[in-house]
Amino acid sequence: MMARGRNLAFKSRDFQKAAKRNLFDSGEIVAMTRHKCRAHGAFTCAFTLIELLVVIAIIAILAALLLPALGRGKLKAQGVQCMSNHRQLAMAWRMYTEDNNDVLLFASAAGAASRPYTWCNGVLDFAPNNPSNTDPREDIMKSPMWPYCARNLGIWRCPADRSMVAGKPRVRTMVMNAYLGGWGGYPSTLMPEFDKQILYLKYSQLSTPGPSKIFVFLDEREDWINWGNFCTIMSGYSPNDPNRYVFEDIPASYHGQAGGLSFADGHSVIHRWRDPRTMPPVGSKSYDNETAIPSPGNVDIAFLQDCSTRPK
């Protein structure tokens, strides 16, 4: 029995040695190459230059596949934050209205008397000496809405906006629907057909067509934003004639050809723009802030008209 046990042990050791030889000699480990090394009397394994280049190439391919997914994830996260900012700002607007007998703030001022009742004064541009661009104390902290938004400066702008003035980020991308309060409570005399539309001065007026169908705030393009209002020209809305569609202001498209809006009932959306004319290259602005830009048949104008106001 003892002799038989020793034979089995020898056979087991021989089998293990053979298995190890087969493992390396059978080519199952393709990437590794055996090299004898006299130093320290040991064997070492190393990559050849070609194998290293193959590994680097594989890593580069994986990175190329993953980076777009990471970019889309970041874009989506910014969109979620943008919607949250819109909801909070719309809620601040609503709370002010409820504390002030249903009276709406003005989208823009029309003289010194209306400035205290305007949601945000000041004009944005790219002038380094204009404090409205980068100093929140100039306009935002003086807004009647400031106490209602927990003094949160971040909700006044889209997180995807990268516009800078003198090396500092601008403080606002949000603009208000011009048909909410108008210019100091009056319609604009410069905008075509403005006086033919409902100018909402009290929240109860929004029952036509309903607060969920009228937007309050919208992100405006960095090269288009100026006053605190967003004016949608209603030409071609009623009667319906898409050939008469024009732009006065153009919305932002920071979220993959989409932009943020909030509505009078408090909900917010990231709306995808469909017409390339709504998304011209940044820096292509070439108008005088008064002359409307024709954009016949633009479905994005139809959307903006439908959530701005209604004819009288």
Foldseek 3Di string as FASTA:
>chain_A
DVVVVVVVVVVVVVVVVVVVCCVVVVCPPVQWDWDQDPVVRDTDIDGDPVSVVVVVVVVVVVCVVCVVVVVLVVLVVLQVVLQVLQLLLLQLQVVVCVVPVQFGAALAADDDVNLQRHQWFFWDDQDLPGCQFAPCVVTVCSGPSCVSSVNDQVSQDRPLDDDDHPRGHGRHQKAFQCLACHHVNDPDPQAPCRVQWHRHGGNVVCVVVHQVQAWTIWGFDPRFGIGRHAYQRCPCVVVHFLQRGWHLTAGDCSRPQWIKIATNVSGIDTGHADDCVSPDDPPPDDDDSRDIGGDGPRVVSNSNNRRRTGGD
